[in-house]
Amino acid sequence: MALVKYDNEANAMYFRLGKGKRRIKSTIALGKDRFIDVDPRGKIVGVEIILPKVLPKEAQQALKRSKDTIELVQ
């Protein structure tokens, strides 16, 4: 299962992996606009992507039409 959340203020998307809320031990930067969160066992629990300040018009419209949170189930 994954949960996808868009934060309009931060202009970022967060992908939470797995069921339930898990403790984040650390955040690892993968460049200036991508980060992964890992739990105490070193497993990835989330991925954050900071979106560009200027998005293509199609992307802006899609984000406006979408819910803030989407749950993906396997």
PDB file of N, CA and C in Angstrom:
ATOM      1  N   MET A   1       0.832  -1.175   0.000  1.00  0.00           N
ATOM      2  CA  MET A   1       0.000   0.000   0.000  1.00  0.00           C
ATOM      3  C   MET A   1       0.882   1.245   0.000  1.00  0.00           C
ATOM      4  N   ALA A   2       0.411   2.278  -0.652  1.00  0.00           N
ATOM      5  CA  ALA A   2       1.104   3.565  -0.649  1.00  0.00           C
ATOM      6  C   ALA A   2       0.068   4.674  -0.548  1.00  0.00           C
ATOM      7  N   LEU A   3       0.465   5.751   0.067  1.00  0.00           N
ATOM      8  CA  LEU A   3      -0.389   6.919   0.197  1.00  0.00           C
ATOM      9  C   LEU A   3       0.342   8.073  -0.480  1.00  0.00           C
ATOM     10  N   VAL A   4      -0.317   8.750  -1.395  1.00  0.00           N
ATOM     11  CA  VAL A   4       0.285   9.875  -2.106  1.00  0.00           C
ATOM     12  C   VAL A   4      -0.400  11.144  -1.626  1.00  0.00           C
ATOM     13  N   LYS A   5       0.401  12.109  -1.193  1.00  0.00           N
ATOM     14  CA  LYS A   5      -0.163  13.356  -0.673  1.00  0.00           C
ATOM     15  C   LYS A   5       0.526  14.541  -1.346  1.00  0.00           C
ATOM     16  N   TYR A   6      -0.279  15.510  -1.754  1.00  0.00           N
ATOM     17  CA  TYR A   6       0.251  16.735  -2.360  1.00  0.00           C
ATOM     18  C   TYR A   6       0.091  17.873  -1.368  1.00  0.00           C
ATOM     19  N   ASP A   7       1.181  18.595  -1.115  1.00  0.00           N
ATOM     20  CA  ASP A   7       1.170  19.750  -0.221  1.00  0.00           C
ATOM     21  C   ASP A   7       1.294  21.005  -1.084  1.00  0.00           C
ATOM     22  N   ASN A   8       0.203  21.740  -1.197  1.00  0.00           N
ATOM     23  CA  ASN A   8       0.165  22.924  -2.054  1.00  0.00           C
ATOM     24  C   ASN A   8       1.129  24.004  -1.579  1.00  0.00           C
ATOM     25  N   GLU A   9       1.221  24.225  -0.267  1.00  0.00           N
ATOM     26  CA  GLU A   9       2.106  25.267   0.264  1.00  0.00           C
ATOM     27  C   GLU A   9       3.566  24.965  -0.022  1.00  0.00           C
ATOM     28  N   ALA A  10       3.966  23.712   0.162  1.00  0.00           N
ATOM     29  CA  ALA A  10       5.357  23.318  -0.076  1.00  0.00           C
ATOM     30  C   ALA A  10       5.605  22.979  -1.539  1.00  0.00           C
ATOM     31  N   ASN A  11       4.532  22.854  -2.320  1.00  0.00           N
ATOM     32  CA  ASN A  11       4.613  22.426  -3.717  1.00  0.00           C
ATOM     33  C   ASN A  11       5.406  21.121  -3.813  1.00  0.00           C
ATOM     34  N   ALA A  12       4.979  20.155  -2.991  1.00  0.00           N
ATOM     35  CA  ALA A  12       5.691  18.883  -2.909  1.00  0.00           C
ATOM     36  C   ALA A  12       4.711  17.718  -2.891  1.00  0.00           C
ATOM     37  N   MET A  13       5.199  16.577  -3.343  1.00  0.00           N
ATOM     38  CA  MET A  13       4.422  15.338  -3.273  1.00  0.00           C
ATOM     39  C   MET A  13       5.157  14.388  -2.337  1.00  0.00           C
ATOM     40  N   TYR A  14       4.385  13.703  -1.491  1.00  0.00           N
ATOM     41  CA  TYR A  14       4.965  12.740  -0.558  1.00  0.00           C
ATOM     42  C   TYR A  14       4.305  11.388  -0.789  1.00  0.00           C
ATOM     43  N   PHE A  15       5.128  10.363  -0.926  1.00  0.00           N
ATOM     44  CA  PHE A  15       4.663   8.995  -1.131  1.00  0.00           C
ATOM     45  C   PHE A  15       5.010   8.204   0.128  1.00  0.00           C
ATOM     46  N   ARG A  16       4.002   7.861   0.930  1.00  0.00           N
ATOM     47  CA  ARG A  16       4.228   7.056   2.133  1.00  0.00           C
ATOM     48  C   ARG A  16       4.035   5.598   1.753  1.00  0.00           C
ATOM     49  N   LEU A  17       5.016   4.772   2.061  1.00  0.00           N
ATOM     50  CA  LEU A  17       5.001   3.367   1.674  1.00  0.00           C
ATOM     51  C   LEU A  17       4.638   2.487   2.858  1.00  0.00           C
ATOM     52  N   GLY A  18       3.859   1.448   2.613  1.00  0.00           N
ATOM     53  CA  GLY A  18       3.485   0.506   3.661  1.00  0.00           C
ATOM     54  C   GLY A  18       2.234   0.930   4.402  1.00  0.00           C
ATOM     55  N   LYS A  19       1.812   0.047   5.302  1.00  0.00           N
ATOM     56  CA  LYS A  19       0.590   0.292   6.079  1.00  0.00           C
ATOM     57  C   LYS A  19       0.916   1.030   7.365  1.00  0.00           C
ATOM     58  N   GLY A  20      -0.026   1.847   7.795  1.00  0.00           N
ATOM     59  CA  GLY A  20       0.112   2.537   9.072  1.00  0.00           C
ATOM     60  C   GLY A  20       1.205   3.587   9.058  1.00  0.00           C
ATOM     61  N   LYS A  21       1.319   4.257  10.174  1.00  0.00           N
ATOM     62  CA  LYS A  21       2.327   5.296  10.312  1.00  0.00           C
ATOM     63  C   LYS A  21       3.553   4.693  10.985  1.00  0.00           C
ATOM     64  N   ARG A  22       4.707   4.832  10.357  1.00  0.00           N
ATOM     65  CA  ARG A  22       5.938   4.282  10.919  1.00  0.00           C
ATOM     66  C   ARG A  22       6.876   5.416  11.306  1.00  0.00           C
ATOM     67  N   ARG A  23       7.666   5.164  12.322  1.00  0.00           N
ATOM     68  CA  ARG A  23       8.603   6.166  12.820  1.00  0.00           C
ATOM     69  C   ARG A  23       9.703   6.421  11.794  1.00  0.00           C
ATOM     70  N   ILE A  24      10.032   7.683  11.592  1.00  0.00           N
ATOM     71  CA  ILE A  24      11.110   8.063  10.683  1.00  0.00           C
ATOM     72  C   ILE A  24      12.355   8.336  11.513  1.00  0.00           C
ATOM     73  N   LYS A  25      13.420   7.595  11.216  1.00  0.00           N
ATOM     74  CA  LYS A  25      14.682   7.794  11.925  1.00  0.00           C
ATOM     75  C   LYS A  25      15.494   8.906  11.277  1.00  0.00           C
ATOM     76  N   SER A  26      15.522   8.914   9.943  1.00  0.00           N
ATOM     77  CA  SER A  26      16.297   9.940   9.257  1.00  0.00           C
ATOM     78  C   SER A  26      15.758  10.188   7.857  1.00  0.00           C
ATOM     79  N   THR A  27      16.141  11.331   7.338  1.00  0.00           N
ATOM     80  CA  THR A  27      15.789  11.716   5.975  1.00  0.00           C
ATOM     81  C   THR A  27      17.083  11.863   5.193  1.00  0.00           C
ATOM     82  N   ILE A  28      17.126  11.234   4.030  1.00  0.00           N
ATOM     83  CA  ILE A  28      18.324  11.253   3.194  1.00  0.00           C
ATOM     84  C   ILE A  28      18.021  12.053   1.932  1.00  0.00           C
ATOM     85  N   ALA A  29      18.849  13.063   1.666  1.00  0.00           N
ATOM     86  CA  ALA A  29      18.671  13.880   0.464  1.00  0.00           C
ATOM     87  C   ALA A  29      19.219  13.140  -0.748  1.00  0.00           C
ATOM     88  N   LEU A  30      18.456  13.183  -1.824  1.00  0.00           N
ATOM     89  CA  LEU A  30      18.881  12.604  -3.103  1.00  0.00           C
ATOM     90  C   LEU A  30      18.970  13.741  -4.119  1.00  0.00           C
ATOM     91  N   GLY A  31      19.686  14.759  -3.773  1.00  0.00           N
ATOM     92  CA  GLY A  31      19.720  15.970  -4.585  1.00  0.00           C
ATOM     93  C   GLY A  31      18.990  17.069  -3.841  1.00  0.00           C
ATOM     94  N   LYS A  32      18.752  18.178  -4.521  1.00  0.00           N
ATOM     95  CA  LYS A  32      18.136  19.324  -3.842  1.00  0.00           C
ATOM     96  C   LYS A  32      16.621  19.245  -3.738  1.00  0.00           C
ATOM     97  N   ASP A  33      16.000  18.321  -4.478  1.00  0.00           N
ATOM     98  CA  ASP A  33      14.537  18.302  -4.496  1.00  0.00           C
ATOM     99  C   ASP A  33      13.920  16.922  -4.306  1.00  0.00           C
ATOM    100  N   ARG A  34      14.713  15.945  -3.880  1.00  0.00           N
ATOM    101  CA  ARG A  34      14.196  14.586  -3.642  1.00  0.00           C
ATOM    102  C   ARG A  34      14.791  14.060  -2.340  1.00  0.00           C
ATOM    103  N   PHE A  35      13.921  13.433  -1.540  1.00  0.00           N
ATOM    104  CA  PHE A  35      14.344  12.942  -0.230  1.00  0.00           C
ATOM    105  C   PHE A  35      13.685  11.598   0.043  1.00  0.00           C
ATOM    106  N   ILE A  36      14.383  10.740   0.788  1.00  0.00           N
ATOM    107  CA  ILE A  36      13.756   9.504   1.255  1.00  0.00           C
ATOM    108  C   ILE A  36      13.806   9.489   2.777  1.00  0.00           C
ATOM    109  N   ASP A  37      12.738   8.988   3.379  1.00  0.00           N
ATOM    110  CA  ASP A  37      12.667   8.805   4.826  1.00  0.00           C
ATOM    111  C   ASP A  37      12.876   7.334   5.120  1.00  0.00           C
ATOM    112  N   VAL A  38      13.710   7.041   6.127  1.00  0.00           N
ATOM    113  CA  VAL A  38      13.960   5.652   6.508  1.00  0.00           C
ATOM    114  C   VAL A  38      13.599   5.441   7.972  1.00  0.00           C
ATOM    115  N   ASP A  39      13.174   4.214   8.293  1.00  0.00           N
ATOM    116  CA  ASP A  39      12.801   3.880   9.666  1.00  0.00           C
ATOM    117  C   ASP A  39      14.039   3.410  10.431  1.00  0.00           C
ATOM    118  N   PRO A  40      13.907   3.097  11.721  1.00  0.00           N
ATOM    119  CA  PRO A  40      15.062   2.666  12.511  1.00  0.00           C
ATOM    120  C   PRO A  40      15.760   1.407  11.976  1.00  0.00           C
ATOM    121  N   ARG A  41      15.050   0.589  11.183  1.00  0.00           N
ATOM    122  CA  ARG A  41      15.672  -0.609  10.604  1.00  0.00           C
ATOM    123  C   ARG A  41      16.324  -0.334   9.250  1.00  0.00           C
ATOM    124  N   GLY A  42      16.259   0.914   8.791  1.00  0.00           N
ATOM    125  CA  GLY A  42      16.875   1.281   7.523  1.00  0.00           C
ATOM    126  C   GLY A  42      16.001   1.064   6.307  1.00  0.00           C
ATOM    127  N   LYS A  43      14.723   0.758   6.528  1.00  0.00           N
ATOM    128  CA  LYS A  43      13.798   0.551   5.407  1.00  0.00           C
ATOM    129  C   LYS A  43      13.172   1.880   4.992  1.00  0.00           C
ATOM    130  N   ILE A  44      12.960   2.035   3.690  1.00  0.00           N
ATOM    131  CA  ILE A  44      12.352   3.257   3.172  1.00  0.00           C
ATOM    132  C   ILE A  44      10.870   3.277   3.539  1.00  0.00           C
ATOM    133  N   VAL A  45      10.441   4.377   4.159  1.00  0.00           N
ATOM    134  CA  VAL A  45       9.029   4.527   4.531  1.00  0.00           C
ATOM    135  C   VAL A  45       8.342   5.636   3.745  1.00  0.00           C
ATOM    136  N   GLY A  46       9.128   6.487   3.081  1.00  0.00           N
ATOM    137  CA  GLY A  46       8.517   7.563   2.321  1.00  0.00           C
ATOM    138  C   GLY A  46       9.488   8.231   1.370  1.00  0.00           C
ATOM    139  N   VAL A  47       8.921   8.868   0.361  1.00  0.00           N
ATOM    140  CA  VAL A  47       9.701   9.600  -0.637  1.00  0.00           C
ATOM    141  C   VAL A  47       9.032  10.957  -0.839  1.00  0.00           C
ATOM    142  N   GLU A  48       9.821  12.027  -0.768  1.00  0.00           N
ATOM    143  CA  GLU A  48       9.291  13.366  -1.000  1.00  0.00           C
ATOM    144  C   GLU A  48       9.949  13.958  -2.237  1.00  0.00           C
ATOM    145  N   ILE A  49       9.137  14.572  -3.079  1.00  0.00           N
ATOM    146  CA  ILE A  49       9.636  15.226  -4.283  1.00  0.00           C
ATOM    147  C   ILE A  49       9.126  16.661  -4.273  1.00  0.00           C
ATOM    148  N   ILE A  50      10.059  17.609  -4.265  1.00  0.00           N
ATOM    149  CA  ILE A  50       9.702  19.018  -4.355  1.00  0.00           C
ATOM    150  C   ILE A  50       9.512  19.318  -5.845  1.00  0.00           C
ATOM    151  N   LEU A  51       8.354  19.812  -6.203  1.00  0.00           N
ATOM    152  CA  LEU A  51       8.054  20.084  -7.606  1.00  0.00           C
ATOM    153  C   LEU A  51       8.634  21.431  -8.037  1.00  0.00           C
ATOM    154  N   PRO A  52       8.889  21.607  -9.335  1.00  0.00           N
ATOM    155  CA  PRO A  52       9.390  22.897  -9.824  1.00  0.00           C
ATOM    156  C   PRO A  52       8.387  24.011  -9.526  1.00  0.00           C
ATOM    157  N   LYS A  53       8.907  25.227  -9.351  1.00  0.00           N
ATOM    158  CA  LYS A  53       8.019  26.362  -9.070  1.00  0.00           C
ATOM    159  C   LYS A  53       7.062  26.616 -10.225  1.00  0.00           C
ATOM    160  N   VAL A  54       7.521  26.378 -11.432  1.00  0.00           N
ATOM    161  CA  VAL A  54       6.673  26.564 -12.611  1.00  0.00           C
ATOM    162  C   VAL A  54       6.428  25.194 -13.230  1.00  0.00           C
ATOM    163  N   LEU A  55       5.179  24.767 -13.197  1.00  0.00           N
ATOM    164  CA  LEU A  55       4.793  23.474 -13.770  1.00  0.00           C
ATOM    165  C   LEU A  55       4.110  23.689 -15.117  1.00  0.00           C
ATOM    166  N   PRO A  56       4.194  22.694 -15.998  1.00  0.00           N
ATOM    167  CA  PRO A  56       3.424  22.791 -17.236  1.00  0.00           C
ATOM    168  C   PRO A  56       1.936  22.959 -16.906  1.00  0.00           C
ATOM    169  N   LYS A  57       1.224  23.644 -17.767  1.00  0.00           N
ATOM    170  CA  LYS A  57      -0.194  23.939 -17.540  1.00  0.00           C
ATOM    171  C   LYS A  57      -1.002  22.669 -17.282  1.00  0.00           C
ATOM    172  N   GLU A  58      -0.710  21.598 -18.027  1.00  0.00           N
ATOM    173  CA  GLU A  58      -1.436  20.335 -17.861  1.00  0.00           C
ATOM    174  C   GLU A  58      -1.249  19.772 -16.453  1.00  0.00           C
ATOM    175  N   ALA A  59      -0.031  19.874 -15.917  1.00  0.00           N
ATOM    176  CA  ALA A  59       0.246  19.376 -14.565  1.00  0.00           C
ATOM    177  C   ALA A  59      -0.489  20.215 -13.525  1.00  0.00           C
ATOM    178  N   GLN A  60      -0.501  21.526 -13.699  1.00  0.00           N
ATOM    179  CA  GLN A  60      -1.222  22.406 -12.774  1.00  0.00           C
ATOM    180  C   GLN A  60      -2.706  22.054 -12.739  1.00  0.00           C
ATOM    181  N   GLN A  61      -3.295  21.841 -13.899  1.00  0.00           N
ATOM    182  CA  GLN A  61      -4.718  21.511 -13.973  1.00  0.00           C
ATOM    183  C   GLN A  61      -5.003  20.156 -13.331  1.00  0.00           C
ATOM    184  N   ALA A  62      -4.137  19.180 -13.562  1.00  0.00           N
ATOM    185  CA  ALA A  62      -4.328  17.851 -12.972  1.00  0.00           C
ATOM    186  C   ALA A  62      -4.262  17.918 -11.450  1.00  0.00           C
ATOM    187  N   LEU A  63      -3.325  18.688 -10.907  1.00  0.00           N
ATOM    188  CA  LEU A  63      -3.217  18.823  -9.454  1.00  0.00           C
ATOM    189  C   LEU A  63      -4.451  19.503  -8.872  1.00  0.00           C
ATOM    190  N   LYS A  64      -4.980  20.494  -9.563  1.00  0.00           N
ATOM    191  CA  LYS A  64      -6.181  21.187  -9.080  1.00  0.00           C
ATOM    192  C   LYS A  64      -7.397  20.264  -9.065  1.00  0.00           C
ATOM    193  N   ARG A  65      -7.478  19.338 -10.020  1.00  0.00           N
ATOM    194  CA  ARG A  65      -8.624  18.424 -10.110  1.00  0.00           C
ATOM    195  C   ARG A  65      -8.509  17.242  -9.145  1.00  0.00           C
ATOM    196  N   SER A  66      -7.314  16.973  -8.641  1.00  0.00           N
ATOM    197  CA  SER A  66      -7.083  15.788  -7.812  1.00  0.00           C
ATOM    198  C   SER A  66      -7.351  16.063  -6.338  1.00  0.00           C
ATOM    199  N   LYS A  67      -7.568  14.985  -5.600  1.00  0.00           N
ATOM    200  CA  LYS A  67      -7.685  15.077  -4.144  1.00  0.00           C
ATOM    201  C   LYS A  67      -6.300  15.348  -3.570  1.00  0.00           C
ATOM    202  N   ASP A  68      -6.249  15.910  -2.348  1.00  0.00           N
ATOM    203  CA  ASP A  68      -4.960  16.154  -1.703  1.00  0.00           C
ATOM    204  C   ASP A  68      -4.262  14.856  -1.321  1.00  0.00           C
ATOM    205  N   THR A  69      -5.055  13.817  -1.014  1.00  0.00           N
ATOM    206  CA  THR A  69      -4.498  12.532  -0.598  1.00  0.00           C
ATOM    207  C   THR A  69      -5.145  11.415  -1.406  1.00  0.00           C
ATOM    208  N   ILE A  70      -4.301  10.522  -1.924  1.00  0.00           N
ATOM    209  CA  ILE A  70      -4.777   9.371  -2.696  1.00  0.00           C
ATOM    210  C   ILE A  70      -4.145   8.116  -2.112  1.00  0.00           C
ATOM    211  N   GLU A  71      -4.972   7.109  -1.820  1.00  0.00           N
ATOM    212  CA  GLU A  71      -4.468   5.844  -1.285  1.00  0.00           C
ATOM    213  C   GLU A  71      -4.394   4.822  -2.412  1.00  0.00           C
ATOM    214  N   LEU A  72      -3.224   4.210  -2.558  1.00  0.00           N
ATOM    215  CA  LEU A  72      -3.017   3.177  -3.568  1.00  0.00           C
ATOM    216  C   LEU A  72      -2.922   1.834  -2.869  1.00  0.00           C
ATOM    217  N   VAL A  73      -3.725   0.876  -3.292  1.00  0.00           N
ATOM    218  CA  VAL A  73      -3.751  -0.444  -2.662  1.00  0.00           C
ATOM    219  C   VAL A  73      -3.307  -1.477  -3.681  1.00  0.00           C
ATOM    220  N   GLN A  74      -2.460  -2.413  -3.244  1.00  0.00           N
ATOM    221  CA  GLN A  74      -1.989  -3.479  -4.137  1.00  0.00           C
ATOM    222  C   GLN A  74      -3.022  -4.542  -4.286  1.00  0.00           C
TER     223      GLN A  74
END
